[in-house]
Amino acid sequence: MHNNRNSFRFYQTNKKEKKYVQVHDVDLRLLRIFVAIVECGGLSAAESRLNIGRSTISSHLSDLEVRLGIKLCKRGRSGFEITEPGRVTYQASLELLQQCEAFTTTVASSKNELSGRVTIAMIDTMVSDPRCGVASTIRALKTKSDNIQFDINVCEAREVETSVVNGRSLVGIGVSRHHLRGLEYYPLHNENNYLYCAVGHPLFDCKNSEISKLLQDAEVITSNYMRDKESRNDGLNYQNSAIAYHDEGIAHLILSGAFIGYLPDHYASYWVDKGLFKPILPDKYAYQIPVVLISSKNNLASPLANALIEEIKRCHSFEA
């Protein structure tokens, strides 16, 4: 790879000759889009993360394929599938984008200032938790420097760790039962989850003597999100007739009055205060999940990463 005035050369070798393509600033943007497509698992899934429409994403992907001269992925009625050249390009893109971020951070540190992109991967609904210090962290860093860009990615629990491992995010805020090698885990607080029903469900206005019988018949939402990553042995009726991937989906299903399900108390409190939700036997049907700060050991030399980690810990120090 050759660096010349913000351009990069990727060499491609075949039996006849050695070729290279120069990657300029505009291509870095296309590479970021391609990385998002791969990590989201398709063009449509990447719309919310990139905040652009599917047709625009498709156009950018086609432009990148033309520039690189390779087919990066297959897309169509059969679904999204990355090609082998696409896998190679994805890994190379991660390395290149990390090097660009490292370059910006290194130059900024030489001037004794914070500069670069603060990327945070988070599980959903944390914004409703008053103990979450992300907003305070952003405010503190913004006060220290105007040369910081902020990128917040809300994703599933397992994707938080993946985002930190592959270097796309400086830190993650999520849950983990099985720690990954190369990552640091710092406890922030415990999240309380309870079993809820909504207005219109038989359990909402029933007598205490009727709860046990009604629970046997109640259909419980199966969550593929499962922040604790383990099935709960609570003896309830999981029929897979209602499945959700995020807490918002679980809330919609509970609001229908047809199902019951677990939600974090800070998120469910909005509907509880309005008299629309009610916890079911909270002393029995409840569990805690440790929320942790996840960072990479490879970023310990980064002034920006260290400043971010220190601020997040400080803003959660009330739990210490």
Protein backbone atom coordinates (compact mmCIF):
# COMPACT_ATOMS: atom_id res chain seq x y z
CA MET A 1 0.00 0.00 0.00
CA HIS A 2 1.44 3.36 -1.03
CA ASN A 3 0.40 6.60 0.72
CA ASN A 4 0.52 9.72 -1.42
CA ARG A 5 -1.60 12.77 -0.63
CA ASN A 6 -4.53 10.86 0.85
CA SER A 7 -4.47 8.09 -1.72
CA PHE A 8 -3.84 4.38 -1.26
CA ARG A 9 -2.90 1.59 -3.65
CA PHE A 10 -4.26 -1.93 -3.36
CA TYR A 11 -2.28 -4.42 -5.44
CA GLN A 12 -4.05 -7.27 -7.23
CA THR A 13 -1.91 -10.08 -8.64
CA ASN A 14 -2.75 -12.59 -11.36
CA LYS A 15 -0.74 -14.80 -13.68
CA LYS A 16 -0.36 -12.13 -16.36
CA GLU A 17 0.42 -8.92 -14.55
CA LYS A 18 0.32 -6.97 -11.31
CA LYS A 19 -2.42 -4.35 -11.13
CA TYR A 20 -3.39 -1.82 -8.53
CA VAL A 21 -6.25 0.52 -7.87
CA GLN A 22 -5.79 3.88 -6.19
CA VAL A 23 -8.20 4.63 -3.37
CA HIS A 24 -8.94 8.30 -2.79
CA ASP A 25 -11.01 10.13 -0.18
CA VAL A 26 -14.27 9.46 -2.03
CA ASP A 27 -13.50 5.74 -1.96
CA LEU A 28 -12.96 5.80 1.81
CA ARG A 29 -16.59 6.89 2.12
CA LEU A 30 -17.67 4.05 -0.18
CA LEU A 31 -15.61 1.58 1.84
CA ARG A 32 -17.35 2.71 5.03
CA ILE A 33 -20.68 2.10 3.34
CA PHE A 34 -19.55 -1.36 2.23
CA VAL A 35 -18.42 -2.23 5.76
CA ALA A 36 -21.82 -1.17 7.10
CA ILE A 37 -23.60 -3.33 4.49
CA VAL A 38 -21.58 -6.40 5.46
CA GLU A 39 -22.00 -5.89 9.19
CA CYS A 40 -25.74 -5.28 8.87
CA GLY A 41 -26.15 -8.31 6.62
CA GLY A 42 -27.58 -6.58 3.56
CA LEU A 43 -28.54 -3.34 1.86
CA SER A 44 -31.99 -2.93 3.40
CA ALA A 45 -30.69 -3.68 6.88
CA ALA A 46 -28.01 -0.99 6.46
CA GLU A 47 -30.53 1.79 5.70
CA SER A 48 -31.11 2.85 9.30
CA ARG A 49 -27.43 2.71 10.20
CA LEU A 50 -26.34 4.77 7.18
CA ASN A 51 -29.45 6.97 7.17
CA ILE A 52 -29.76 6.72 3.39
CA GLY A 53 -32.16 4.84 1.13
CA ARG A 54 -31.62 1.37 -0.30
CA SER A 55 -31.35 2.62 -3.91
CA THR A 56 -28.62 5.08 -2.90
CA ILE A 57 -26.77 2.37 -0.99
CA SER A 58 -26.99 0.07 -4.02
CA SER A 59 -25.64 2.83 -6.26
CA HIS A 60 -22.68 3.46 -3.92
CA LEU A 61 -21.94 -0.27 -3.75
CA SER A 62 -21.97 -0.52 -7.55
CA ASP A 63 -19.61 2.48 -7.78
CA LEU A 64 -17.19 0.78 -5.39
CA GLU A 65 -17.30 -2.47 -7.37
CA VAL A 66 -16.51 -0.56 -10.57
CA ARG A 67 -13.62 1.29 -8.93
CA LEU A 68 -12.12 -1.90 -7.50
CA GLY A 69 -12.94 -4.04 -10.52
CA ILE A 70 -14.40 -6.89 -8.48
CA LYS A 71 -17.82 -8.24 -7.49
CA LEU A 72 -18.16 -7.65 -3.76
CA CYS A 73 -21.45 -9.39 -3.10
CA LYS A 74 -24.48 -11.07 -4.61
CA ARG A 75 -27.82 -9.40 -4.06
CA GLY A 76 -31.23 -10.19 -5.38
CA ARG A 77 -34.30 -12.25 -4.61
CA SER A 78 -32.17 -14.99 -3.08
CA GLY A 79 -30.83 -12.52 -0.51
CA PHE A 80 -27.49 -10.95 0.32
CA GLU A 81 -24.28 -12.97 0.08
CA ILE A 82 -20.74 -11.65 0.21
CA THR A 83 -18.26 -13.04 -2.33
CA GLU A 84 -14.77 -14.25 -1.50
CA PRO A 85 -13.20 -11.08 -3.01
CA GLY A 86 -15.77 -9.20 -0.94
CA ARG A 87 -14.57 -10.89 2.26
CA VAL A 88 -10.98 -9.94 1.47
CA THR A 89 -12.04 -6.37 0.71
CA TYR A 90 -14.05 -6.18 3.92
CA GLN A 91 -11.07 -7.20 6.07
CA ALA A 92 -8.76 -4.86 4.15
CA SER A 93 -11.29 -2.05 4.56
CA LEU A 94 -11.40 -2.53 8.32
CA GLU A 95 -7.62 -2.34 8.50
CA LEU A 96 -7.47 0.72 6.26
CA LEU A 97 -10.18 2.62 8.12
CA GLN A 98 -8.52 1.80 11.44
CA GLN A 99 -5.22 3.14 10.09
CA CYS A 100 -6.94 6.35 9.01
CA GLU A 101 -8.42 6.82 12.47
CA ALA A 102 -5.05 6.01 14.08
CA PHE A 103 -3.34 8.57 11.84
CA THR A 104 -5.80 11.30 12.85
CA THR A 105 -5.45 10.44 16.54
CA THR A 106 -1.65 10.30 16.44
CA VAL A 107 -1.32 13.68 14.75
CA ALA A 108 -3.79 15.20 17.19
CA SER A 109 -1.91 13.78 20.18
CA SER A 110 1.31 15.36 18.91
CA LYS A 111 -0.46 18.71 19.26
CA ASN A 112 -1.73 17.79 22.74
CA GLU A 113 -5.36 17.92 21.65
CA LEU A 114 -8.16 15.42 21.34
CA SER A 115 -9.25 14.82 17.77
CA GLY A 116 -10.82 12.04 15.74
CA ARG A 117 -13.95 9.90 15.70
CA VAL A 118 -15.54 8.65 18.91
CA THR A 119 -17.42 5.49 17.98
CA ILE A 120 -19.64 3.80 20.57
CA ALA A 121 -21.62 0.59 20.05
CA MET A 122 -24.57 0.18 22.44
CA ILE A 123 -27.46 -2.12 23.20
CA ASP A 124 -30.86 -0.51 22.68
CA THR A 125 -33.10 1.41 25.14
CA MET A 126 -30.14 2.58 27.25
CA VAL A 127 -31.28 6.16 26.70
CA SER A 128 -34.22 5.58 29.07
CA ASP A 129 -31.92 4.44 31.89
CA PRO A 130 -31.10 7.43 34.15
CA ARG A 131 -27.89 5.67 35.18
CA CYS A 132 -26.54 5.68 31.63
CA GLY A 133 -23.75 8.25 31.42
CA VAL A 134 -23.25 8.36 27.66
CA ALA A 135 -24.84 11.80 27.24
CA SER A 136 -22.68 13.20 30.05
CA THR A 137 -19.62 11.61 28.46
CA ILE A 138 -20.34 13.24 25.11
CA ARG A 139 -20.88 16.61 26.77
CA ALA A 140 -17.58 16.34 28.68
CA LEU A 141 -15.57 15.39 25.58
CA LYS A 142 -17.24 18.10 23.51
CA THR A 143 -16.19 20.63 26.14
CA LYS A 144 -12.59 19.45 25.89
CA SER A 145 -12.38 19.59 22.09
CA ASP A 146 -14.38 20.72 19.06
CA ASN A 147 -12.39 18.39 16.82
CA ILE A 148 -14.21 15.21 17.79
CA GLN A 149 -16.82 13.45 15.66
CA PHE A 150 -19.36 11.26 17.44
CA ASP A 151 -20.76 8.04 15.99
CA ILE A 152 -23.29 6.04 18.05
CA ASN A 153 -24.33 2.63 16.76
CA VAL A 154 -27.26 0.90 18.49
CA CYS A 155 -27.15 -2.82 17.82
CA GLU A 156 -27.84 -6.27 19.25
CA ALA A 157 -25.87 -7.42 22.27
CA ARG A 158 -23.61 -9.81 20.38
CA GLU A 159 -22.82 -7.14 17.77
CA VAL A 160 -21.50 -4.73 20.43
CA GLU A 161 -18.51 -6.97 21.17
CA THR A 162 -17.98 -7.71 17.47
CA SER A 163 -17.88 -3.99 16.71
CA VAL A 164 -15.14 -3.45 19.29
CA VAL A 165 -13.19 -6.54 18.24
CA ASN A 166 -13.05 -5.53 14.58
CA GLY A 167 -12.11 -1.97 15.45
CA ARG A 168 -15.23 -0.29 14.11
CA SER A 169 -16.07 1.04 17.58
CA LEU A 170 -13.66 2.43 20.17
CA VAL A 171 -15.85 1.12 22.99
CA GLY A 172 -19.06 -0.77 23.53
CA ILE A 173 -21.71 -0.63 26.22
CA GLY A 174 -23.56 -3.90 26.53
CA VAL A 175 -23.63 -7.28 28.22
CA SER A 176 -21.37 -10.31 28.04
CA ARG A 177 -21.39 -13.64 29.84
CA HIS A 178 -18.38 -15.03 28.00
CA HIS A 179 -15.55 -12.52 27.73
CA LEU A 180 -13.60 -12.43 24.48
CA ARG A 181 -9.83 -12.47 24.32
CA GLY A 182 -8.29 -9.08 23.68
CA LEU A 183 -11.16 -7.11 25.23
CA GLU A 184 -11.39 -5.31 28.57
CA TYR A 185 -14.65 -5.39 30.57
CA TYR A 186 -15.55 -2.80 33.19
CA PRO A 187 -18.82 -3.12 35.18
CA LEU A 188 -21.12 -0.08 35.00
CA HIS A 189 -24.41 -1.10 36.65
CA ASN A 190 -27.01 -3.86 36.82
CA GLU A 191 -30.14 -3.68 34.68
CA ASN A 192 -33.36 -5.01 36.26
CA ASN A 193 -35.80 -6.86 34.01
CA TYR A 194 -39.38 -7.78 34.95
CA LEU A 195 -42.25 -9.69 33.36
CA TYR A 196 -44.98 -7.34 32.08
CA CYS A 197 -48.52 -7.52 30.76
CA ALA A 198 -50.62 -4.73 29.26
CA VAL A 199 -54.18 -3.45 29.42
CA GLY A 200 -56.47 -5.96 27.71
CA HIS A 201 -54.52 -9.02 28.80
CA PRO A 202 -56.36 -11.33 31.25
CA LEU A 203 -53.51 -10.96 33.77
CA PHE A 204 -53.77 -7.17 33.95
CA ASP A 205 -56.91 -6.94 36.13
CA CYS A 206 -57.12 -10.47 37.50
CA LYS A 207 -57.34 -11.49 41.16
CA ASN A 208 -54.18 -12.70 42.88
CA SER A 209 -55.73 -16.16 43.21
CA GLU A 210 -56.10 -16.37 39.41
CA ILE A 211 -52.52 -15.43 38.46
CA SER A 212 -51.00 -18.93 38.55
CA LYS A 213 -53.71 -20.41 36.32
CA LEU A 214 -53.61 -17.52 33.85
CA LEU A 215 -49.80 -17.70 33.64
CA GLN A 216 -50.05 -21.32 32.50
CA ASP A 217 -52.10 -20.23 29.50
CA ALA A 218 -50.34 -16.91 28.80
CA GLU A 219 -48.12 -16.79 25.71
CA VAL A 220 -44.67 -15.37 26.47
CA ILE A 221 -42.64 -13.42 23.93
CA THR A 222 -39.48 -15.17 22.81
CA SER A 223 -36.64 -12.69 22.43
CA ASN A 224 -33.86 -13.45 20.00
CA TYR A 225 -32.14 -10.43 21.52
CA MET A 226 -31.80 -12.14 24.93
CA ARG A 227 -29.43 -9.67 26.54
CA ASP A 228 -28.34 -12.28 29.06
CA LYS A 229 -27.76 -14.71 26.17
CA GLU A 230 -29.28 -17.58 28.12
CA SER A 231 -32.76 -19.07 28.30
CA ARG A 232 -34.61 -18.44 31.53
CA ASN A 233 -35.96 -21.46 33.38
CA ASP A 234 -39.04 -19.71 34.72
CA GLY A 235 -41.57 -22.39 33.81
CA LEU A 236 -43.55 -20.08 31.53
CA ASN A 237 -45.24 -20.88 28.24
CA TYR A 238 -42.79 -20.08 25.42
CA GLN A 239 -44.62 -21.15 22.25
CA ASN A 240 -42.57 -19.13 19.73
CA SER A 241 -45.85 -17.57 18.58
CA ALA A 242 -44.34 -14.12 19.21
CA ILE A 243 -40.67 -13.35 18.55
CA ALA A 244 -38.85 -10.02 18.82
CA TYR A 245 -35.25 -9.00 18.19
CA HIS A 246 -35.24 -5.76 20.20
CA ASP A 247 -36.92 -4.36 23.29
CA GLU A 248 -39.07 -2.05 21.16
CA GLY A 249 -40.47 -5.09 19.38
CA ILE A 250 -41.21 -6.75 22.71
CA ALA A 251 -43.02 -3.59 23.86
CA HIS A 252 -45.23 -3.59 20.73
CA LEU A 253 -46.21 -7.20 21.35
CA ILE A 254 -47.00 -6.57 25.02
CA LEU A 255 -49.06 -3.51 24.10
CA SER A 256 -51.24 -5.72 21.89
CA GLY A 257 -52.65 -7.29 25.03
CA ALA A 258 -52.12 -10.74 23.57
CA PHE A 259 -48.69 -11.56 25.04
CA ILE A 260 -46.54 -11.05 28.11
CA GLY A 261 -42.79 -10.48 28.11
CA TYR A 262 -39.69 -9.27 29.92
CA LEU A 263 -38.41 -5.70 29.63
CA PRO A 264 -35.89 -3.51 31.49
CA ASP A 265 -37.72 -1.59 34.22
CA HIS A 266 -36.37 1.79 33.08
CA TYR A 267 -37.79 1.21 29.60
CA ALA A 268 -41.15 -0.23 30.72
CA SER A 269 -41.69 2.57 33.25
CA TYR A 270 -43.03 4.86 30.49
CA TRP A 271 -46.07 2.59 30.03
CA VAL A 272 -46.28 1.64 33.70
CA ASP A 273 -46.64 5.34 34.65
CA LYS A 274 -49.44 5.69 32.09
CA GLY A 275 -51.26 2.72 33.56
CA LEU A 276 -50.78 0.61 30.42
CA PHE A 277 -48.24 -1.93 31.74
CA LYS A 278 -48.11 -3.85 34.99
CA PRO A 279 -45.34 -6.14 36.30
CA ILE A 280 -46.44 -9.71 37.06
CA LEU A 281 -45.28 -11.07 40.44
CA PRO A 282 -42.09 -8.92 40.37
CA ASP A 283 -40.61 -10.75 43.36
CA LYS A 284 -40.65 -13.99 41.36
CA TYR A 285 -40.36 -13.09 37.68
CA ALA A 286 -37.30 -10.85 37.56
CA TYR A 287 -33.63 -11.04 36.73
CA GLN A 288 -30.59 -8.76 36.60
CA ILE A 289 -28.11 -8.22 33.78
CA PRO A 290 -24.68 -6.61 34.37
CA VAL A 291 -24.14 -3.76 31.91
CA VAL A 292 -20.43 -3.37 31.10
CA LEU A 293 -18.06 -1.04 29.28
CA ILE A 294 -16.19 -3.01 26.60
CA SER A 295 -12.90 -1.78 25.14
CA SER A 296 -10.03 -3.21 23.13
CA LYS A 297 -6.59 -3.73 24.63
CA ASN A 298 -5.20 -2.60 21.26
CA ASN A 299 -6.54 0.93 21.85
CA LEU A 300 -4.80 1.52 25.17
CA ALA A 301 -2.20 3.76 23.48
CA SER A 302 -4.86 5.98 21.90
CA PRO A 303 -5.32 9.31 23.77
CA LEU A 304 -8.86 9.64 22.40
CA ALA A 305 -9.83 6.10 23.42
CA ASN A 306 -8.35 6.62 26.89
CA ALA A 307 -10.17 9.92 27.31
CA LEU A 308 -13.44 8.29 26.25
CA ILE A 309 -12.99 5.35 28.62
CA GLU A 310 -12.06 7.61 31.54
CA GLU A 311 -15.10 9.83 30.99
CA ILE A 312 -17.50 6.88 30.75
CA LYS A 313 -16.12 5.47 34.01
CA ARG A 314 -16.32 8.87 35.69
CA CYS A 315 -19.92 9.39 34.54
CA HIS A 316 -20.84 6.01 36.04
CA SER A 317 -18.82 6.49 39.24
CA PHE A 318 -22.03 6.77 41.29
CA GLU A 319 -22.24 2.98 41.03
CA ALA A 320 -18.82 2.48 42.54
